[in-house]
N, C-alpha and C. Protein backbone atom coordinates (compact mmCIF):
# COMPACT_ATOMS: atom_id res chain seq x y z
N UNK A 1 57.74 158.20 198.15
CA UNK A 1 59.04 158.40 196.72
C UNK A 1 58.12 157.97 195.58
N UNK A 2 57.42 157.03 195.75
CA UNK A 2 56.78 156.06 194.60
C UNK A 2 55.55 157.33 193.77
N UNK A 3 54.87 157.97 194.84
CA UNK A 3 53.88 159.08 194.51
C UNK A 3 54.79 160.16 193.99
N UNK A 4 55.99 160.68 194.42
CA UNK A 4 57.01 161.81 194.29
C UNK A 4 56.98 161.32 192.74
N UNK A 5 57.47 160.27 192.18
CA UNK A 5 58.03 159.37 190.76
C UNK A 5 56.92 159.46 189.89
N UNK A 6 55.88 159.13 190.21
CA UNK A 6 54.85 159.32 189.42
C UNK A 6 54.23 160.50 188.83
N UNK A 7 54.36 161.48 190.07
CA UNK A 7 54.19 162.81 189.84
C UNK A 7 54.94 163.41 188.86
N UNK A 8 56.14 163.20 189.06
CA UNK A 8 57.35 163.69 188.15
C UNK A 8 56.75 163.08 186.77
N UNK A 9 56.84 162.01 186.68
CA UNK A 9 56.50 161.03 185.44
C UNK A 9 55.64 162.12 184.78
N UNK A 10 54.39 162.49 185.05
CA UNK A 10 53.65 163.16 184.51
C UNK A 10 53.67 164.65 184.18
N UNK A 11 54.92 165.20 184.80
CA UNK A 11 55.13 166.52 184.43
C UNK A 11 56.36 166.29 183.41
N UNK A 12 57.25 165.37 183.47
CA UNK A 12 58.34 165.61 182.24
C UNK A 12 58.05 164.87 181.21
N UNK A 13 56.94 164.40 181.37
CA UNK A 13 56.36 163.77 179.86
C UNK A 13 56.10 164.72 178.83
N UNK A 14 56.69 164.92 177.68
CA UNK A 14 56.26 165.84 176.74
C UNK A 14 56.54 165.13 175.36
N UNK A 15 55.81 165.93 174.18
CA UNK A 15 55.78 165.19 173.12
C UNK A 15 57.46 164.90 172.62
N UNK A 16 57.89 164.03 172.04
CA UNK A 16 59.35 163.84 171.77
C UNK A 16 60.19 163.43 172.73
N UNK A 17 60.17 163.51 173.95
CA UNK A 17 61.12 163.30 175.08
C UNK A 17 60.56 161.87 175.44
N UNK A 18 62.03 161.26 175.73
CA UNK A 18 62.22 159.95 175.64
C UNK A 18 62.65 159.63 176.86
N UNK A 19 62.01 158.73 177.90
CA UNK A 19 62.32 158.35 179.25
C UNK A 19 62.86 156.99 179.37
N UNK A 20 64.44 157.07 179.77
CA UNK A 20 65.39 155.90 179.87
C UNK A 20 65.33 155.78 181.24
N UNK A 21 65.37 154.28 181.68
CA UNK A 21 65.64 154.01 182.93
C UNK A 21 66.09 152.61 182.95
N UNK A 22 66.48 152.06 184.13
CA UNK A 22 66.47 150.74 184.21
C UNK A 22 65.60 149.82 184.18
N UNK A 23 64.52 149.98 183.87
CA UNK A 23 63.16 149.22 183.67
C UNK A 23 62.42 148.34 184.78
N UNK A 24 63.05 148.52 186.18
CA UNK A 24 62.41 147.56 187.05
C UNK A 24 61.41 148.29 187.92
N UNK A 25 61.58 148.22 189.03
CA UNK A 25 60.44 148.38 190.18
C UNK A 25 61.00 149.79 190.84
N UNK A 26 60.29 150.21 191.79
CA UNK A 26 60.84 151.46 192.33
C UNK A 26 60.30 152.79 191.74
N UNK A 27 61.32 153.43 192.13
CA UNK A 27 61.51 155.01 191.42
C UNK A 27 61.20 154.83 189.83
N UNK A 28 62.19 153.81 189.52
CA UNK A 28 61.96 153.66 187.72
C UNK A 28 60.45 153.44 187.17
N UNK A 29 59.98 152.68 188.29
CA UNK A 29 58.53 152.03 187.85
C UNK A 29 57.78 153.51 188.07
N UNK A 30 58.05 153.97 188.98
CA UNK A 30 56.93 155.24 189.38
C UNK A 30 57.15 156.28 188.36
N UNK A 31 58.16 156.56 187.81
CA UNK A 31 58.27 157.61 187.10
C UNK A 31 58.02 156.76 185.54
N UNK A 32 57.96 155.93 185.15
CA UNK A 32 57.60 155.36 184.05
C UNK A 32 55.76 155.38 183.94
N UNK A 33 55.43 154.99 185.26
CA UNK A 33 53.86 154.96 185.39
C UNK A 33 53.29 156.27 185.24
N UNK A 34 54.11 157.48 186.06
CA UNK A 34 53.41 158.78 185.58
C UNK A 34 53.55 159.27 183.74
N UNK A 35 54.62 158.95 183.63
CA UNK A 35 54.86 159.37 182.19
C UNK A 35 53.57 158.55 181.30
N UNK A 36 53.29 157.27 181.39
CA UNK A 36 52.20 156.59 180.91
C UNK A 36 50.85 157.34 181.17
N UNK A 37 50.67 157.98 182.23
CA UNK A 37 49.45 158.44 182.75
C UNK A 37 49.14 159.88 182.38
N UNK A 38 50.32 160.73 181.57
CA UNK A 38 50.38 161.46 181.12
C UNK A 38 49.56 161.63 179.79
N UNK A 39 48.89 163.20 179.58
CA UNK A 39 48.10 163.37 178.47
C UNK A 39 49.23 163.39 177.40
N UNK A 40 50.51 163.52 177.81
CA UNK A 40 51.46 163.71 176.82
C UNK A 40 51.94 162.61 176.09
N UNK A 41 51.62 161.27 176.71
CA UNK A 41 52.39 160.08 176.63
C UNK A 41 52.24 159.34 174.87
N UNK A 42 52.93 158.76 174.54
CA UNK A 42 53.09 158.02 173.19
C UNK A 42 53.80 156.90 173.36
N UNK A 43 53.43 155.74 172.47
CA UNK A 43 53.83 154.56 172.16
C UNK A 43 55.48 154.73 171.94
N UNK A 44 56.25 154.10 172.36
CA UNK A 44 57.54 154.09 172.44
C UNK A 44 58.30 154.97 173.44
N UNK A 45 57.67 155.75 174.42
CA UNK A 45 58.38 156.58 175.32
C UNK A 45 59.08 156.22 176.23
N UNK A 46 58.72 154.86 177.11
CA UNK A 46 59.54 154.49 177.89
C UNK A 46 60.22 153.66 177.71
N UNK A 47 61.42 153.52 177.99
CA UNK A 47 62.58 152.58 177.48
C UNK A 47 63.13 151.99 178.80
N UNK A 48 63.32 150.52 178.75
CA UNK A 48 63.97 149.93 180.09
C UNK A 48 65.19 149.20 179.61
N UNK A 49 66.30 149.77 180.18
CA UNK A 49 67.31 148.99 179.88
C UNK A 49 67.88 148.00 180.92
N UNK A 50 67.35 146.75 180.77
CA UNK A 50 67.19 145.57 181.83
C UNK A 50 68.65 144.94 182.05
N UNK A 51 68.70 144.42 183.41
CA UNK A 51 69.98 143.96 183.37
C UNK A 51 69.98 142.43 183.10
N UNK A 52 68.91 141.69 183.08
CA UNK A 52 68.78 140.61 182.71
C UNK A 52 68.30 140.23 180.97
N UNK A 53 68.11 138.91 180.99
CA UNK A 53 68.15 138.52 179.54
C UNK A 53 66.52 138.18 179.38
N UNK A 54 65.56 138.76 180.39
CA UNK A 54 63.83 138.39 180.02
C UNK A 54 63.41 139.57 179.77
N UNK A 55 62.87 140.05 178.78
CA UNK A 55 62.08 141.40 178.62
C UNK A 55 60.67 141.42 179.44
N UNK A 56 60.13 140.42 180.06
CA UNK A 56 59.40 140.47 180.69
C UNK A 56 59.64 140.84 182.18
N UNK A 57 60.73 141.13 182.61
CA UNK A 57 60.98 141.53 183.66
C UNK A 57 60.85 142.90 183.95
N UNK A 58 60.61 143.70 182.82
CA UNK A 58 60.55 144.99 182.83
C UNK A 58 59.21 145.37 183.59
N UNK A 59 59.07 146.64 184.35
CA UNK A 59 57.85 146.95 185.00
C UNK A 59 56.96 147.19 183.95
N UNK A 60 55.47 146.96 184.06
CA UNK A 60 54.46 147.34 183.46
C UNK A 60 54.24 148.48 182.45
N UNK A 61 54.94 149.44 182.73
CA UNK A 61 54.82 150.88 182.01
C UNK A 61 55.80 150.71 181.16
N UNK A 62 56.68 149.76 180.98
CA UNK A 62 57.90 150.26 179.77
C UNK A 62 57.48 149.90 178.59
N UNK A 63 57.41 150.80 177.69
CA UNK A 63 57.02 150.46 176.34
C UNK A 63 58.11 149.64 175.42
N UNK A 64 59.51 149.74 175.66
CA UNK A 64 60.34 148.97 174.95
C UNK A 64 61.28 148.52 176.08
N UNK A 65 61.36 147.23 176.22
CA UNK A 65 62.16 146.68 177.07
C UNK A 65 63.44 146.24 176.56
N UNK A 66 64.89 146.48 176.71
CA UNK A 66 65.77 146.00 176.06
C UNK A 66 66.38 145.19 177.36
N UNK A 67 66.58 143.72 177.03
CA UNK A 67 67.20 142.86 178.06
C UNK A 67 68.64 142.86 177.83
N UNK A 68 69.59 143.26 178.62
CA UNK A 68 70.97 143.36 178.04
C UNK A 68 71.89 142.04 178.36
N UNK A 69 71.37 141.28 179.56
CA UNK A 69 71.97 139.90 180.00
C UNK A 69 73.43 140.66 180.55
N UNK A 70 73.60 142.04 180.69
CA UNK A 70 74.66 142.21 181.45
C UNK A 70 75.14 142.61 182.70
N UNK A 71 73.61 142.59 183.56
CA UNK A 71 73.64 142.76 184.99
C UNK A 71 73.89 144.02 185.27
N UNK A 72 74.76 144.41 186.59
CA UNK A 72 74.77 145.99 186.75
C UNK A 72 75.68 147.03 185.48
N UNK A 73 76.28 146.25 184.92
CA UNK A 73 77.08 146.89 183.54
C UNK A 73 75.95 147.66 182.77
N UNK A 74 75.05 147.11 182.63
CA UNK A 74 73.85 147.98 181.98
C UNK A 74 73.81 149.28 182.39
N UNK A 75 74.22 150.04 183.48
CA UNK A 75 74.04 151.05 183.93
C UNK A 75 74.94 152.12 183.13
N UNK A 76 76.02 151.81 182.67
CA UNK A 76 76.87 152.79 182.01
C UNK A 76 76.01 152.99 180.30
N UNK A 77 75.13 152.13 180.23
CA UNK A 77 74.26 152.07 178.96
C UNK A 77 73.22 153.26 179.00
N UNK A 78 72.49 153.05 180.70
CA UNK A 78 71.41 153.88 180.89
C UNK A 78 72.13 155.54 180.70
N UNK A 79 73.46 155.66 181.19
CA UNK A 79 74.03 157.01 181.66
C UNK A 79 74.67 157.49 180.12
N UNK A 80 75.12 156.43 179.37
CA UNK A 80 75.56 156.94 177.73
C UNK A 80 74.21 157.54 177.17
N UNK A 81 72.83 156.75 177.35
CA UNK A 81 71.65 157.03 176.32
C UNK A 81 71.23 158.01 176.68
N UNK A 82 71.41 158.84 178.16
CA UNK A 82 70.77 159.92 178.54
C UNK A 82 71.38 161.17 178.36
N UNK A 83 70.35 162.19 178.05
CA UNK A 83 70.93 163.69 178.13
C UNK A 83 70.80 164.29 179.48
N UNK A 84 70.32 163.72 180.64
CA UNK A 84 69.99 164.52 181.67
C UNK A 84 69.32 163.12 182.43
N UNK A 85 70.02 163.15 183.67
CA UNK A 85 69.96 162.22 184.88
C UNK A 85 69.24 162.91 185.93
N UNK A 86 67.98 161.90 186.35
CA UNK A 86 67.13 162.51 187.57
C UNK A 86 67.85 161.22 188.58
N UNK A 87 68.05 161.64 189.81
CA UNK A 87 68.41 160.58 190.89
C UNK A 87 67.88 160.89 191.99
N UNK A 88 66.98 159.52 192.56
CA UNK A 88 66.27 159.81 193.80
C UNK A 88 67.05 158.71 194.86
N UNK A 89 66.85 158.81 196.09
CA UNK A 89 67.59 157.93 196.95
C UNK A 89 68.58 157.22 196.74
N UNK A 90 68.54 156.00 196.26
CA UNK A 90 69.79 155.29 195.89
C UNK A 90 70.44 154.55 196.69
N UNK A 91 70.95 153.60 196.41
CA UNK A 91 71.93 152.33 196.92
C UNK A 91 72.87 152.31 195.84
N UNK A 92 73.67 151.05 196.07
CA UNK A 92 74.50 151.04 194.88
C UNK A 92 74.69 150.99 193.76
N UNK A 93 73.65 150.54 193.39
CA UNK A 93 72.88 150.65 192.03
C UNK A 93 72.94 152.29 191.66
N UNK A 94 72.46 153.14 191.98
CA UNK A 94 72.29 154.63 192.23
C UNK A 94 73.60 155.20 191.91
N UNK A 95 74.59 154.88 192.96
CA UNK A 95 75.75 155.11 193.35
C UNK A 95 76.67 154.73 191.89
N UNK A 96 76.66 153.83 191.54
CA UNK A 96 77.33 153.37 190.15
C UNK A 96 76.87 154.04 189.05
N UNK A 97 75.59 154.49 188.85
CA UNK A 97 75.36 155.27 187.65
C UNK A 97 75.54 156.88 187.88
N UNK A 98 75.72 157.44 189.24
CA UNK A 98 76.41 158.47 189.37
C UNK A 98 77.78 158.85 189.36
N UNK A 99 78.34 157.56 189.43
CA UNK A 99 79.96 157.46 189.16
C UNK A 99 80.12 157.58 187.48
N UNK A 100 79.29 156.75 186.97
CA UNK A 100 79.51 157.24 185.60
C UNK A 100 78.82 158.22 184.82
N UNK A 101 78.04 158.99 185.63
CA UNK A 101 77.61 160.19 185.18
C UNK A 101 78.45 161.58 185.09
N UNK A 102 79.22 161.35 186.72
CA UNK A 102 80.39 161.93 186.98
C UNK A 102 81.44 161.94 185.56
N UNK A 103 81.93 160.81 185.49
CA UNK A 103 83.06 160.30 184.74
C UNK A 103 82.89 161.22 183.04
N UNK A 104 81.40 160.67 182.69
CA UNK A 104 80.92 161.42 181.57
C UNK A 104 80.76 162.67 181.49
N UNK A 105 80.69 163.41 182.81
CA UNK A 105 80.48 165.00 182.47
C UNK A 105 79.06 165.13 182.50
N UNK A 106 77.95 164.32 182.62
CA UNK A 106 76.78 164.92 182.68
C UNK A 106 76.08 165.31 183.89
N UNK A 107 75.29 166.16 183.65
CA UNK A 107 74.57 166.75 184.65
C UNK A 107 73.45 165.78 185.37
N UNK A 108 73.28 165.49 186.57
CA UNK A 108 72.51 164.84 187.53
C UNK A 108 71.69 165.66 188.43
N UNK A 109 70.36 165.68 188.22
CA UNK A 109 69.44 166.26 189.13
C UNK A 109 69.25 165.39 190.52
N UNK A 110 69.75 165.41 191.36
CA UNK A 110 69.64 165.10 192.60
C UNK A 110 68.54 165.26 193.62
N UNK A 111 67.75 164.65 193.68
CA UNK A 111 66.59 164.70 194.60
C UNK A 111 67.26 164.58 195.97
N UNK A 112 66.84 165.64 197.00
CA UNK A 112 67.57 165.75 198.13
C UNK A 112 66.67 165.10 199.52
N UNK A 113 65.36 164.99 198.98
CA UNK A 113 64.37 164.70 199.89
C UNK A 113 64.14 163.19 200.48
N UNK A 114 64.90 162.31 199.77
CA UNK A 114 64.85 161.28 199.90
C UNK A 114 65.84 160.10 200.26
N UNK A 115 67.07 160.91 200.80
CA UNK A 115 68.03 160.28 201.37
C UNK A 115 68.85 159.53 200.50
N UNK A 116 69.76 159.00 200.41
CA UNK A 116 70.76 157.97 199.71
C UNK A 116 71.73 158.76 199.29
N UNK A 117 72.16 158.07 198.19
CA UNK A 117 73.29 158.75 197.25
C UNK A 117 72.93 159.81 196.70
N UNK A 118 71.94 159.91 195.99
CA UNK A 118 71.47 161.35 195.59
C UNK A 118 71.56 162.61 196.47
N UNK A 119 70.91 162.15 197.57
CA UNK A 119 71.09 163.45 198.69
C UNK A 119 72.81 163.28 199.06
N UNK A 120 73.06 162.44 199.35
CA UNK A 120 74.60 162.60 199.98
C UNK A 120 75.73 163.11 198.89
N UNK A 121 75.57 162.87 197.48
CA UNK A 121 76.20 163.64 196.72
C UNK A 121 75.67 164.85 196.24
N UNK A 122 74.59 165.15 196.52
CA UNK A 122 74.24 166.50 195.92
C UNK A 122 74.90 167.66 195.90
N UNK A 123 75.42 168.51 195.22
CA UNK A 123 76.12 169.89 195.47
C UNK A 123 77.78 169.48 195.53
N UNK A 124 77.82 168.14 195.88
CA UNK A 124 79.42 167.94 195.74
C UNK A 124 80.27 167.64 194.50
N UNK A 125 81.32 167.32 194.49
CA UNK A 125 82.57 167.04 193.72
C UNK A 125 83.09 165.71 194.30
N UNK A 126 83.03 164.77 193.02
CA UNK A 126 83.63 163.72 193.43
C UNK A 126 85.14 163.46 193.20
N UNK A 127 85.81 164.18 192.29
CA UNK A 127 87.20 164.18 191.89
C UNK A 127 87.47 165.69 191.38
N UNK A 128 88.37 166.04 190.64
CA UNK A 128 88.83 167.03 190.16
C UNK A 128 88.25 167.37 188.82
N UNK A 129 87.56 166.30 188.38
CA UNK A 129 87.24 166.34 186.99
C UNK A 129 86.29 167.79 186.56
N UNK A 130 85.47 167.94 187.56
CA UNK A 130 84.61 168.85 187.16
C UNK A 130 84.04 169.34 188.37
N UNK A 131 83.23 170.22 188.40
CA UNK A 131 82.00 170.92 189.47
C UNK A 131 80.75 171.23 188.83
N UNK A 132 79.80 171.43 189.94
CA UNK A 132 78.62 171.54 189.41
C UNK A 132 77.88 170.47 188.87
N UNK A 133 78.07 169.20 188.63
CA UNK A 133 77.56 168.27 187.98
C UNK A 133 75.97 167.50 188.50
N UNK A 134 76.36 167.43 190.03
CA UNK A 134 75.15 166.84 190.85
C UNK A 134 74.40 168.06 191.34
N UNK A 135 73.42 168.31 190.77
CA UNK A 135 72.44 169.54 191.20
C UNK A 135 71.57 169.07 192.32
N UNK A 136 71.56 169.89 193.29
CA UNK A 136 70.32 169.46 194.38
C UNK A 136 69.25 169.85 193.90
N UNK A 137 68.25 169.22 194.17
CA UNK A 137 66.72 169.59 194.04
C UNK A 137 65.85 169.40 195.13
N UNK A 138 65.02 169.81 195.29
CA UNK A 138 63.69 169.47 196.17
C UNK A 138 62.33 169.01 195.62
N UNK A 139 62.24 169.64 194.77
CA UNK A 139 60.97 169.40 194.35
C UNK A 139 60.85 169.25 192.64
N UNK A 140 59.43 168.83 192.21
CA UNK A 140 59.34 168.72 190.85
C UNK A 140 59.34 170.05 190.20
N UNK A 141 58.89 171.35 190.89
CA UNK A 141 58.92 172.66 190.30
C UNK A 141 60.56 172.86 189.97
N UNK A 142 61.13 172.75 190.64
CA UNK A 142 62.80 172.96 190.48
C UNK A 142 63.38 172.13 189.47
N UNK A 143 62.95 170.64 189.28
CA UNK A 143 63.35 169.88 188.30
C UNK A 143 62.98 170.57 186.99
N UNK A 144 61.63 171.03 186.60
CA UNK A 144 60.99 171.61 185.63
C UNK A 144 62.05 172.59 185.12
N UNK A 145 62.37 173.67 186.02
CA UNK A 145 62.84 174.67 185.75
C UNK A 145 64.22 174.44 185.19
N UNK A 146 64.85 173.24 185.90
CA UNK A 146 66.17 173.10 185.15
C UNK A 146 66.20 172.60 183.79
N UNK A 147 64.90 171.69 183.76
CA UNK A 147 64.63 170.94 182.27
C UNK A 147 64.42 171.98 181.37
N UNK A 148 63.78 173.26 181.64
CA UNK A 148 63.45 174.26 180.74
C UNK A 148 64.60 174.99 180.31
N UNK A 149 65.57 175.06 181.15
CA UNK A 149 66.75 176.02 181.37
C UNK A 149 67.91 175.16 180.72
N UNK A 150 68.60 175.71 179.67
CA UNK A 150 69.38 174.83 179.10
C UNK A 150 70.61 174.60 180.25
N UNK A 151 71.23 173.14 180.40
CA UNK A 151 72.16 172.70 181.50
C UNK A 151 73.61 172.90 180.69
N UNK A 152 74.46 173.73 181.28
CA UNK A 152 75.52 174.18 180.14
C UNK A 152 76.62 172.61 180.71
C-alpha cells in the first residue's frame, strides 16, 4: 500500500493542487512523499492536519504542519478542507473521516485493493442522505480519470 501511495502522490501532484491529510505515517506519508518526489511539487503543497500539539510529529514530507491539539476531532477539519477525498484501507480513523464525508455530501474515491473501511463501504450507502458518494476505484488510472472528470 505504501508503494501505491507514493505512485499516487506522484501522479496527482500538479501545479496549484494542494494535498491535505492527517500528516502522520502510513498512506498519508506515502502520498505526501510521492507528491514531493513529483516534478510538479512546490513549497506549501502538502499540508498535515495533526491530531496533537507538536508540529514535529508530522511526517517528513509535510510542508505545512498544523498541530490542532484536537485528537481525532481533527478529522472533520481534514474533510471540511478537502474538495475530494481518497481513502485506502482504513481503521477507525478512516471510518470517522468517511462518516464525515458522507454527512457533508463529499465524494470519496475508495480504493478497493487494500481492504479496510475503504473497500467495505465502496459503492454503498450509509443512510438515506445521498447515493454515489463512495466511488470504488481499483487503480491510479481510475483515480486520475475521476479527478479529471468533474464529480457531480
